[in-house]
N, C-alpha and C. Protein backbone atom coordinates (compact mmCIF):
# COMPACT_ATOMS: atom_id res chain seq x y z
N UNK A 1 92.93 119.99 89.26
CA UNK A 1 94.34 120.24 89.39
C UNK A 1 94.95 120.68 88.06
N UNK A 2 94.41 120.19 86.96
CA UNK A 2 94.90 120.62 85.65
C UNK A 2 94.75 122.11 85.47
N UNK A 3 93.69 122.67 86.05
CA UNK A 3 93.45 124.11 85.94
C UNK A 3 94.55 124.90 86.64
N UNK A 4 94.94 124.45 87.83
CA UNK A 4 96.00 125.13 88.57
C UNK A 4 97.34 125.02 87.84
N UNK A 5 97.61 123.85 87.29
CA UNK A 5 98.86 123.66 86.56
C UNK A 5 98.89 124.54 85.31
N UNK A 6 97.77 124.61 84.62
CA UNK A 6 97.71 125.46 83.42
C UNK A 6 97.89 126.94 83.77
N UNK A 7 97.26 127.36 84.88
CA UNK A 7 97.39 128.75 85.33
C UNK A 7 98.84 129.05 85.71
N UNK A 8 99.46 128.12 86.43
CA UNK A 8 100.86 128.28 86.82
C UNK A 8 101.76 128.39 85.59
N UNK A 9 101.54 127.53 84.62
CA UNK A 9 102.35 127.56 83.40
C UNK A 9 102.16 128.86 82.64
N UNK A 10 100.95 129.40 82.62
CA UNK A 10 100.72 130.68 81.95
C UNK A 10 101.50 131.80 82.64
N UNK A 11 101.49 131.81 83.98
CA UNK A 11 102.27 132.81 84.71
C UNK A 11 103.76 132.66 84.41
N UNK A 12 104.25 131.44 84.47
CA UNK A 12 105.68 131.21 84.24
C UNK A 12 106.10 131.57 82.82
N UNK A 13 105.24 131.26 81.85
CA UNK A 13 105.56 131.61 80.46
C UNK A 13 105.58 133.12 80.26
N UNK A 14 104.64 133.84 80.88
CA UNK A 14 104.63 135.29 80.74
C UNK A 14 105.85 135.91 81.42
N UNK A 15 106.25 135.37 82.56
CA UNK A 15 107.45 135.87 83.23
C UNK A 15 108.70 135.55 82.41
N UNK A 16 108.71 134.40 81.78
CA UNK A 16 109.85 134.03 80.94
C UNK A 16 109.94 134.97 79.73
N UNK A 17 108.82 135.29 79.15
CA UNK A 17 108.82 136.25 78.04
C UNK A 17 109.32 137.62 78.51
N UNK A 18 108.98 137.97 79.75
CA UNK A 18 109.48 139.22 80.33
C UNK A 18 110.99 139.23 80.46
N UNK A 19 111.55 138.05 80.76
CA UNK A 19 113.01 137.94 80.87
C UNK A 19 113.68 138.31 79.56
N UNK A 20 113.04 138.01 78.44
CA UNK A 20 113.60 138.36 77.13
C UNK A 20 113.13 139.75 76.69
N UNK A 21 111.94 140.17 77.09
CA UNK A 21 111.41 141.45 76.63
C UNK A 21 112.12 142.64 77.25
N UNK A 22 112.45 142.55 78.54
CA UNK A 22 113.08 143.69 79.21
C UNK A 22 114.45 144.01 78.61
N UNK A 23 115.35 143.03 78.42
CA UNK A 23 116.61 143.38 77.77
C UNK A 23 116.43 143.90 76.34
N UNK A 24 115.50 143.33 75.60
CA UNK A 24 115.25 143.83 74.24
C UNK A 24 114.73 145.27 74.28
N UNK A 25 113.88 145.57 75.22
CA UNK A 25 113.38 146.94 75.38
C UNK A 25 114.53 147.88 75.72
N UNK A 26 115.42 147.42 76.58
CA UNK A 26 116.58 148.23 76.94
C UNK A 26 117.46 148.51 75.73
N UNK A 27 117.66 147.52 74.88
CA UNK A 27 118.44 147.71 73.65
C UNK A 27 117.75 148.73 72.76
N UNK A 28 116.45 148.61 72.61
CA UNK A 28 115.70 149.55 71.77
C UNK A 28 115.82 150.97 72.32
N UNK A 29 115.72 151.13 73.63
CA UNK A 29 115.83 152.46 74.23
C UNK A 29 117.22 153.06 74.01
N UNK A 30 118.25 152.26 74.14
CA UNK A 30 119.60 152.77 73.89
C UNK A 30 119.82 153.07 72.41
N UNK A 31 119.35 152.19 71.54
CA UNK A 31 119.58 152.38 70.11
C UNK A 31 118.79 153.56 69.54
N UNK A 32 117.65 153.87 70.12
CA UNK A 32 116.86 155.00 69.62
C UNK A 32 117.30 156.32 70.24
N UNK A 33 118.19 156.27 71.21
CA UNK A 33 118.68 157.50 71.82
C UNK A 33 117.87 157.95 73.01
N UNK A 34 116.89 157.17 73.43
CA UNK A 34 116.10 157.54 74.61
C UNK A 34 116.97 157.49 75.87
N UNK A 35 117.93 156.59 75.89
CA UNK A 35 118.90 156.51 76.98
C UNK A 35 120.27 156.86 76.42
N UNK A 36 121.06 157.55 77.21
CA UNK A 36 122.37 158.02 76.76
C UNK A 36 123.38 156.87 76.78
N UNK A 37 124.08 156.70 75.69
CA UNK A 37 125.10 155.65 75.64
C UNK A 37 126.48 156.27 75.64
N UNK A 38 127.46 155.47 76.08
CA UNK A 38 128.85 155.91 76.07
C UNK A 38 129.20 156.87 77.18
N UNK A 39 128.43 156.90 78.23
CA UNK A 39 128.69 157.83 79.34
C UNK A 39 130.07 157.63 79.94
N UNK A 40 130.47 156.37 80.10
CA UNK A 40 131.76 156.08 80.73
C UNK A 40 132.80 155.60 79.73
N UNK A 41 132.54 155.75 78.45
CA UNK A 41 133.53 155.37 77.44
C UNK A 41 134.75 156.27 77.58
N UNK A 42 135.91 155.68 77.69
CA UNK A 42 137.14 156.45 77.85
C UNK A 42 137.56 156.61 79.30
N UNK A 43 136.68 156.40 80.24
CA UNK A 43 137.02 156.46 81.67
C UNK A 43 137.49 155.07 82.09
N UNK A 44 138.78 154.84 82.07
CA UNK A 44 139.35 153.51 82.28
C UNK A 44 138.97 152.91 83.62
N UNK A 45 138.98 153.74 84.66
CA UNK A 45 138.66 153.23 86.00
C UNK A 45 137.22 152.75 86.07
N UNK A 46 136.30 153.55 85.58
CA UNK A 46 134.88 153.18 85.64
C UNK A 46 134.59 151.99 84.72
N UNK A 47 135.22 151.94 83.56
CA UNK A 47 135.05 150.79 82.67
C UNK A 47 135.51 149.52 83.37
N UNK A 48 136.63 149.57 84.04
CA UNK A 48 137.15 148.40 84.73
C UNK A 48 136.20 147.96 85.84
N UNK A 49 135.70 148.90 86.60
CA UNK A 49 134.78 148.57 87.70
C UNK A 49 133.50 147.94 87.15
N UNK A 50 132.90 148.57 86.15
CA UNK A 50 131.65 148.05 85.60
C UNK A 50 131.84 146.69 84.94
N UNK A 51 132.91 146.51 84.22
CA UNK A 51 133.18 145.22 83.59
C UNK A 51 133.42 144.14 84.64
N UNK A 52 134.16 144.47 85.68
CA UNK A 52 134.43 143.49 86.73
C UNK A 52 133.15 143.08 87.45
N UNK A 53 132.32 144.06 87.76
CA UNK A 53 131.04 143.76 88.43
C UNK A 53 130.17 142.88 87.54
N UNK A 54 130.11 143.21 86.29
CA UNK A 54 129.29 142.45 85.35
C UNK A 54 129.79 141.02 85.21
N UNK A 55 131.06 140.84 85.06
CA UNK A 55 131.63 139.51 84.90
C UNK A 55 131.45 138.68 86.17
N UNK A 56 131.72 139.28 87.32
CA UNK A 56 131.55 138.55 88.58
C UNK A 56 130.09 138.16 88.82
N UNK A 57 129.18 139.08 88.55
CA UNK A 57 127.76 138.75 88.71
C UNK A 57 127.35 137.62 87.77
N UNK A 58 127.80 137.68 86.56
CA UNK A 58 127.45 136.64 85.58
C UNK A 58 128.01 135.30 86.00
N UNK A 59 129.28 135.27 86.38
CA UNK A 59 129.93 134.03 86.77
C UNK A 59 129.29 133.44 88.03
N UNK A 60 128.81 134.27 88.92
CA UNK A 60 128.19 133.78 90.16
C UNK A 60 126.71 133.44 89.98
N UNK A 61 125.97 134.29 89.32
CA UNK A 61 124.52 134.14 89.29
C UNK A 61 124.01 133.07 88.33
N UNK A 62 124.68 132.86 87.22
CA UNK A 62 124.18 131.84 86.27
C UNK A 62 124.25 130.45 86.88
N UNK A 63 125.39 130.00 87.39
CA UNK A 63 125.40 128.67 88.02
C UNK A 63 124.51 128.59 89.25
N UNK A 64 124.47 129.68 90.02
CA UNK A 64 123.62 129.70 91.21
C UNK A 64 122.15 129.53 90.84
N UNK A 65 121.72 130.22 89.82
CA UNK A 65 120.31 130.14 89.44
C UNK A 65 119.93 128.75 88.97
N UNK A 66 120.81 128.12 88.23
CA UNK A 66 120.51 126.79 87.71
C UNK A 66 120.63 125.71 88.79
N UNK A 67 121.60 125.83 89.64
CA UNK A 67 121.83 124.81 90.68
C UNK A 67 120.91 124.98 91.88
N UNK A 68 120.65 126.21 92.29
CA UNK A 68 119.81 126.47 93.46
C UNK A 68 118.41 125.90 93.26
N UNK A 69 117.87 126.09 92.08
CA UNK A 69 116.54 125.58 91.79
C UNK A 69 116.53 124.06 91.89
N UNK A 70 117.54 123.43 91.34
CA UNK A 70 117.63 121.98 91.36
C UNK A 70 117.74 121.44 92.79
N UNK A 71 118.59 122.05 93.60
CA UNK A 71 118.75 121.61 94.99
C UNK A 71 117.47 121.78 95.79
N UNK A 72 116.83 122.92 95.63
CA UNK A 72 115.60 123.18 96.36
C UNK A 72 114.49 122.23 95.91
N UNK A 73 114.46 121.92 94.64
CA UNK A 73 113.45 121.01 94.11
C UNK A 73 113.60 119.63 94.73
N UNK A 74 114.82 119.14 94.79
CA UNK A 74 115.06 117.81 95.32
C UNK A 74 114.82 117.76 96.83
N UNK A 75 115.28 118.75 97.54
CA UNK A 75 115.23 118.70 99.00
C UNK A 75 113.88 119.11 99.59
N UNK A 76 113.17 120.02 98.95
CA UNK A 76 112.02 120.59 99.62
C UNK A 76 110.71 120.47 98.85
N UNK A 77 110.69 120.86 97.61
CA UNK A 77 109.43 121.00 96.89
C UNK A 77 108.73 119.66 96.69
N UNK A 78 109.47 118.62 96.37
CA UNK A 78 108.85 117.33 96.10
C UNK A 78 108.18 116.73 97.33
N UNK A 79 108.57 117.18 98.53
CA UNK A 79 108.00 116.64 99.76
C UNK A 79 106.72 117.34 100.18
N UNK A 80 106.38 118.45 99.54
CA UNK A 80 105.19 119.22 99.91
C UNK A 80 103.94 118.63 99.28
N UNK A 81 102.78 118.93 99.88
CA UNK A 81 101.52 118.57 99.20
C UNK A 81 101.45 119.30 97.86
N UNK A 82 100.70 118.76 96.93
CA UNK A 82 100.71 119.25 95.55
C UNK A 82 100.40 120.74 95.44
N UNK A 83 99.40 121.22 96.15
CA UNK A 83 99.02 122.63 96.07
C UNK A 83 100.17 123.54 96.50
N UNK A 84 100.80 123.18 97.62
CA UNK A 84 101.93 123.98 98.10
C UNK A 84 103.17 123.78 97.23
N UNK A 85 103.31 122.60 96.67
CA UNK A 85 104.45 122.34 95.79
C UNK A 85 104.37 123.23 94.56
N UNK A 86 103.17 123.43 94.03
CA UNK A 86 103.01 124.31 92.86
C UNK A 86 103.35 125.76 93.22
N UNK A 87 102.94 126.21 94.40
CA UNK A 87 103.28 127.58 94.84
C UNK A 87 104.79 127.74 95.02
N UNK A 88 105.40 126.75 95.63
CA UNK A 88 106.84 126.81 95.85
C UNK A 88 107.60 126.72 94.52
N UNK A 89 107.10 125.90 93.62
CA UNK A 89 107.71 125.77 92.29
C UNK A 89 107.67 127.12 91.57
N UNK A 90 106.55 127.82 91.68
CA UNK A 90 106.43 129.13 91.04
C UNK A 90 107.41 130.12 91.67
N UNK A 91 107.47 130.13 93.00
CA UNK A 91 108.37 131.05 93.69
C UNK A 91 109.82 130.83 93.26
N UNK A 92 110.26 129.57 93.26
CA UNK A 92 111.65 129.30 92.93
C UNK A 92 111.93 129.48 91.45
N UNK A 93 110.93 129.31 90.61
CA UNK A 93 111.11 129.61 89.19
C UNK A 93 111.29 131.11 88.99
N UNK A 94 110.54 131.90 89.75
CA UNK A 94 110.68 133.35 89.66
C UNK A 94 112.03 133.81 90.19
N UNK A 95 112.50 133.18 91.26
CA UNK A 95 113.83 133.52 91.80
C UNK A 95 114.90 133.19 90.75
N UNK A 96 114.76 132.04 90.12
CA UNK A 96 115.73 131.64 89.09
C UNK A 96 115.74 132.64 87.93
N UNK A 97 114.56 133.05 87.49
CA UNK A 97 114.50 134.02 86.38
C UNK A 97 115.07 135.38 86.80
N UNK A 98 114.82 135.78 88.04
CA UNK A 98 115.37 137.05 88.53
C UNK A 98 116.90 137.00 88.59
N UNK A 99 117.42 135.85 89.01
CA UNK A 99 118.88 135.70 89.06
C UNK A 99 119.50 135.74 87.66
N UNK A 100 118.76 135.30 86.67
CA UNK A 100 119.26 135.37 85.29
C UNK A 100 119.01 136.74 84.67
N UNK A 101 117.98 137.42 85.12
CA UNK A 101 117.67 138.73 84.55
C UNK A 101 118.69 139.78 84.98
N UNK A 102 119.22 139.65 86.18
CA UNK A 102 120.18 140.65 86.69
C UNK A 102 121.40 140.78 85.78
N UNK A 103 122.12 139.70 85.47
CA UNK A 103 123.26 139.90 84.57
C UNK A 103 122.87 140.29 83.15
N UNK A 104 121.68 139.90 82.72
CA UNK A 104 121.24 140.28 81.37
C UNK A 104 121.04 141.78 81.29
N UNK A 105 120.32 142.34 82.24
CA UNK A 105 120.04 143.78 82.22
C UNK A 105 121.31 144.58 82.49
N UNK A 106 122.06 144.17 83.50
CA UNK A 106 123.28 144.91 83.82
C UNK A 106 124.31 144.80 82.69
N UNK A 107 124.41 143.64 82.08
CA UNK A 107 125.36 143.47 80.98
C UNK A 107 125.04 144.39 79.82
N UNK A 108 123.78 144.47 79.46
CA UNK A 108 123.39 145.37 78.36
C UNK A 108 123.61 146.82 78.76
N UNK A 109 123.24 147.17 79.98
CA UNK A 109 123.45 148.55 80.44
C UNK A 109 124.93 148.91 80.46
N UNK A 110 125.76 148.01 80.99
CA UNK A 110 127.19 148.28 81.06
C UNK A 110 127.81 148.33 79.68
N UNK A 111 127.30 147.53 78.76
CA UNK A 111 127.80 147.60 77.38
C UNK A 111 127.55 148.98 76.79
N UNK A 112 126.34 149.48 76.95
CA UNK A 112 126.03 150.79 76.36
C UNK A 112 126.67 151.94 77.13
N UNK A 113 126.94 151.76 78.42
CA UNK A 113 127.60 152.82 79.18
C UNK A 113 129.09 152.91 78.86
N UNK A 114 129.72 151.75 78.62
CA UNK A 114 131.17 151.76 78.38
C UNK A 114 131.54 151.51 76.92
N UNK A 115 130.60 151.05 76.12
CA UNK A 115 130.84 150.68 74.72
C UNK A 115 131.92 149.61 74.61
N UNK A 116 131.96 148.72 75.62
CA UNK A 116 132.88 147.59 75.63
C UNK A 116 132.05 146.31 75.59
N UNK A 117 132.43 145.38 74.74
CA UNK A 117 131.58 144.21 74.48
C UNK A 117 131.54 143.17 75.59
N UNK A 118 132.34 143.29 76.63
CA UNK A 118 132.30 142.28 77.69
C UNK A 118 130.93 142.25 78.37
N UNK A 119 130.29 143.39 78.54
CA UNK A 119 128.94 143.42 79.10
C UNK A 119 127.93 142.74 78.21
N UNK A 120 128.10 142.92 76.92
CA UNK A 120 127.20 142.28 75.96
C UNK A 120 127.37 140.76 75.99
N UNK A 121 128.60 140.28 76.12
CA UNK A 121 128.84 138.84 76.22
C UNK A 121 128.19 138.27 77.49
N UNK A 122 128.29 139.00 78.59
CA UNK A 122 127.68 138.55 79.84
C UNK A 122 126.16 138.48 79.70
N UNK A 123 125.58 139.47 79.08
CA UNK A 123 124.13 139.47 78.87
C UNK A 123 123.72 138.31 77.99
N UNK A 124 124.48 138.06 76.96
CA UNK A 124 124.17 136.93 76.06
C UNK A 124 124.29 135.60 76.80
N UNK A 125 125.27 135.45 77.66
CA UNK A 125 125.41 134.22 78.43
C UNK A 125 124.21 134.00 79.34
N UNK A 126 123.74 135.07 79.97
CA UNK A 126 122.57 134.95 80.86
C UNK A 126 121.33 134.58 80.06
N UNK A 127 121.16 135.18 78.90
CA UNK A 127 119.99 134.86 78.07
C UNK A 127 120.08 133.44 77.51
N UNK A 128 121.27 133.01 77.16
CA UNK A 128 121.43 131.63 76.69
C UNK A 128 121.16 130.65 77.83
N UNK A 129 121.62 130.97 79.03
CA UNK A 129 121.35 130.11 80.19
C UNK A 129 119.85 130.02 80.47
N UNK A 130 119.11 131.07 80.14
CA UNK A 130 117.67 131.04 80.38
C UNK A 130 116.97 130.02 79.49
N UNK A 131 117.62 129.61 78.42
CA UNK A 131 117.03 128.58 77.55
C UNK A 131 116.92 127.24 78.27
N UNK A 132 117.67 127.06 79.35
CA UNK A 132 117.55 125.86 80.16
C UNK A 132 116.37 125.93 81.12
N UNK A 133 115.68 127.06 81.14
CA UNK A 133 114.60 127.29 82.09
C UNK A 133 113.24 127.51 81.43
N UNK A 134 113.11 127.17 80.18
CA UNK A 134 111.86 127.40 79.46
C UNK A 134 110.75 126.58 80.13
N UNK A 135 109.69 127.26 80.60
CA UNK A 135 108.62 126.52 81.29
C UNK A 135 107.74 125.75 80.31
N UNK A 136 107.44 124.51 80.66
CA UNK A 136 106.53 123.70 79.86
C UNK A 136 105.83 122.71 80.79
N UNK A 137 104.70 122.21 80.34
CA UNK A 137 103.94 121.25 81.14
C UNK A 137 104.77 119.99 81.37
N UNK A 138 105.43 119.52 80.34
CA UNK A 138 106.22 118.31 80.44
C UNK A 138 107.33 118.48 81.48
N UNK A 139 107.99 119.62 81.45
CA UNK A 139 109.07 119.89 82.39
C UNK A 139 108.54 119.97 83.82
N UNK A 140 107.43 120.67 84.02
CA UNK A 140 106.86 120.82 85.35
C UNK A 140 106.47 119.45 85.92
N UNK A 141 105.80 118.64 85.12
CA UNK A 141 105.39 117.32 85.59
C UNK A 141 106.59 116.44 85.89
N UNK A 142 107.61 116.53 85.08
CA UNK A 142 108.82 115.72 85.31
C UNK A 142 109.56 116.18 86.56
N UNK A 143 109.67 117.48 86.76
CA UNK A 143 110.41 117.99 87.92
C UNK A 143 109.68 117.73 89.23
N UNK A 144 108.35 117.70 89.19
CA UNK A 144 107.59 117.43 90.40
C UNK A 144 107.20 115.96 90.53
N UNK A 145 107.67 115.12 89.62
CA UNK A 145 107.36 113.68 89.61
C UNK A 145 105.85 113.42 89.62
N UNK A 146 105.15 114.12 88.75
CA UNK A 146 103.70 113.95 88.64
C UNK A 146 103.38 113.14 87.40
N UNK A 147 102.30 112.35 87.45
CA UNK A 147 101.92 111.60 86.25
C UNK A 147 101.36 112.52 85.17
N UNK A 148 101.44 112.10 83.93
CA UNK A 148 100.94 112.89 82.80
C UNK A 148 99.43 113.16 82.89
N UNK A 149 98.70 112.21 83.40
CA UNK A 149 97.24 112.33 83.43
C UNK A 149 96.73 112.76 84.79
N UNK A 150 97.38 113.77 85.39
CA UNK A 150 96.98 114.24 86.71
C UNK A 150 95.61 114.93 86.64
N UNK A 151 94.77 114.61 87.57
CA UNK A 151 93.43 115.20 87.66
C UNK A 151 93.17 115.64 89.09
N UNK A 152 91.99 116.22 89.31
CA UNK A 152 91.63 116.68 90.66
C UNK A 152 91.57 115.58 91.65
């Protein structure tokens, strides 16, 4: 069982690194000129729409991602057999990271499209919220109520 837990943690850690790598890659692409920035700068209507979408997504998805995982963990995952609990834990961890990645990517994109910092603030909030989701063995064992010395 330690092998499965270690494999799961490796997947979750690589996905977590992806959560930070994709927005950083997007910043690099915009800063190097590979992607066009300022497309909607000066267009008040489009700036308002993009900022509103970004803020609403951030305000909705960050609490949803953090709370949804917790509710599902308490109600469903802990009741499953260990093998299925690990699969479900991975699925819901991926859903949580995807919910946090959406405002991060959109916030950075909207920042560079409108050159208005509200998108950047939303992206930073999503990335800061992801710090509550850092995968570790200790966290996984605690969330699934497993003993430290779990074996096959």
